[in-house]
Amino acid sequence: MDVKNFLEIDAVQLLQDGRVIAEDGHHALADKFRGTNKVKPFYYNFTVTNYNPQSKYEIKARVKGAGGVDSKGNFTFNLSPNTAFDKIERK
């Protein structure tokens, strides 16, 4: 995948049935470097204390292309350590 611009992430929210239940507002740059020694890596963690399997959970992120709009990639997440995702929706 050859792109000109990396992705800047300004904040990520976890929503349960349309309501924000957790937020991580740290800024990150999703670039090609995958090392763990970044100051604020592009990993966002949330704790769900009252998980409801009947609820709809969504991830909402404020993102922009760093220096332009030629940016591509994946947004990956899981319900670790309890349950692996069994479906993915893209919007």
Protein backbone atom coordinates (compact mmCIF):
# COMPACT_ATOMS: atom_id res chain seq x y z
CA MET A 1 0.00 0.00 0.00
CA ASP A 2 1.68 3.19 -1.17
CA VAL A 3 0.22 6.36 0.35
CA LYS A 4 1.51 9.89 0.69
CA ASN A 5 -0.02 10.81 4.07
CA PHE A 6 -0.19 9.01 7.39
CA LEU A 7 -3.24 9.10 9.63
CA GLU A 8 -3.46 11.41 12.65
CA ILE A 9 -5.79 10.27 15.41
CA ASP A 10 -6.97 12.96 17.83
CA ALA A 11 -9.28 10.96 20.10
CA VAL A 12 -11.20 7.70 20.20
CA GLN A 13 -14.53 7.00 21.91
CA LEU A 14 -16.32 3.77 22.76
CA LEU A 15 -20.10 3.98 22.44
CA GLN A 16 -22.71 1.61 23.85
CA ASP A 17 -26.10 1.96 22.14
CA GLY A 18 -25.09 5.40 20.86
CA ARG A 19 -23.89 6.69 24.26
CA VAL A 20 -20.21 7.40 24.98
CA ILE A 21 -19.05 5.12 27.80
CA ALA A 22 -15.28 5.63 27.48
CA GLU A 23 -12.87 8.02 25.74
CA ASP A 24 -9.14 8.22 25.18
CA GLY A 25 -8.16 11.68 23.97
CA HIS A 26 -4.45 11.21 23.34
CA HIS A 27 -3.03 12.22 19.95
CA ALA A 28 -1.28 9.61 17.83
CA LEU A 29 0.21 9.21 14.38
CA ALA A 30 -0.51 5.92 12.60
CA ASP A 31 2.53 5.57 10.40
CA LYS A 32 4.57 2.64 9.09
CA PHE A 33 6.63 2.29 12.27
CA ARG A 34 5.25 -0.46 14.51
CA GLY A 35 7.74 -0.32 17.40
CA THR A 36 6.52 -0.21 20.99
CA ASN A 37 8.81 2.61 22.09
CA LYS A 38 6.62 5.45 20.81
CA VAL A 39 5.64 8.00 23.45
CA LYS A 40 1.91 7.85 22.63
CA PRO A 41 1.33 4.96 20.23
CA PHE A 42 -1.82 4.55 18.22
CA TYR A 43 -3.23 1.93 20.61
CA TYR A 44 -6.38 2.90 22.47
CA ASN A 45 -7.67 0.86 25.40
CA PHE A 46 -11.07 0.92 27.07
CA THR A 47 -12.49 -0.93 30.04
CA VAL A 48 -16.13 -2.01 29.82
CA THR A 49 -17.39 -2.70 33.33
CA ASN A 50 -21.00 -3.61 32.47
CA TYR A 51 -20.82 -5.47 29.15
CA ASN A 52 -24.25 -6.21 27.65
CA PRO A 53 -24.22 -8.73 24.76
CA GLN A 54 -27.52 -7.27 23.49
CA SER A 55 -26.05 -3.76 23.18
CA LYS A 56 -24.48 -2.31 20.05
CA TYR A 57 -20.88 -1.19 20.60
CA GLU A 58 -19.18 1.26 18.25
CA ILE A 59 -15.78 2.92 18.01
CA LYS A 60 -15.76 6.59 17.00
CA ALA A 61 -12.48 8.32 16.17
CA ARG A 62 -11.46 11.85 15.14
CA VAL A 63 -8.94 11.35 12.38
CA LYS A 64 -7.31 13.29 9.54
CA GLY A 65 -4.62 12.72 6.97
CA ALA A 66 -1.26 14.14 8.06
CA GLY A 67 -0.42 16.69 5.36
CA GLY A 68 -3.14 15.57 2.94
CA VAL A 69 -5.94 13.11 2.25
CA ASP A 70 -4.02 10.27 0.56
CA SER A 71 -4.21 7.95 3.56
CA LYS A 72 -5.38 4.34 3.75
CA GLY A 73 -5.33 1.65 6.41
CA ASN A 74 -7.26 -0.49 8.84
CA PHE A 75 -8.83 0.18 12.19
CA THR A 76 -8.45 -3.05 14.18
CA PHE A 77 -9.84 -3.87 17.60
CA ASN A 78 -10.80 -6.78 19.84
CA LEU A 79 -12.63 -7.66 23.04
CA SER A 80 -9.53 -9.06 24.67
CA PRO A 81 -9.15 -10.94 26.88
CA ASN A 82 -12.71 -12.29 26.84
CA THR A 83 -14.18 -12.61 23.35
CA ALA A 84 -12.91 -12.41 19.78
CA PHE A 85 -15.00 -10.37 17.33
CA ASP A 86 -17.25 -12.42 15.10
CA LYS A 87 -18.33 -9.65 12.70
CA ILE A 88 -16.97 -6.43 11.26
CA GLU A 89 -18.97 -3.48 9.93
CA ARG A 90 -17.37 -0.76 7.83
CA LYS A 91 -18.86 2.67 7.26
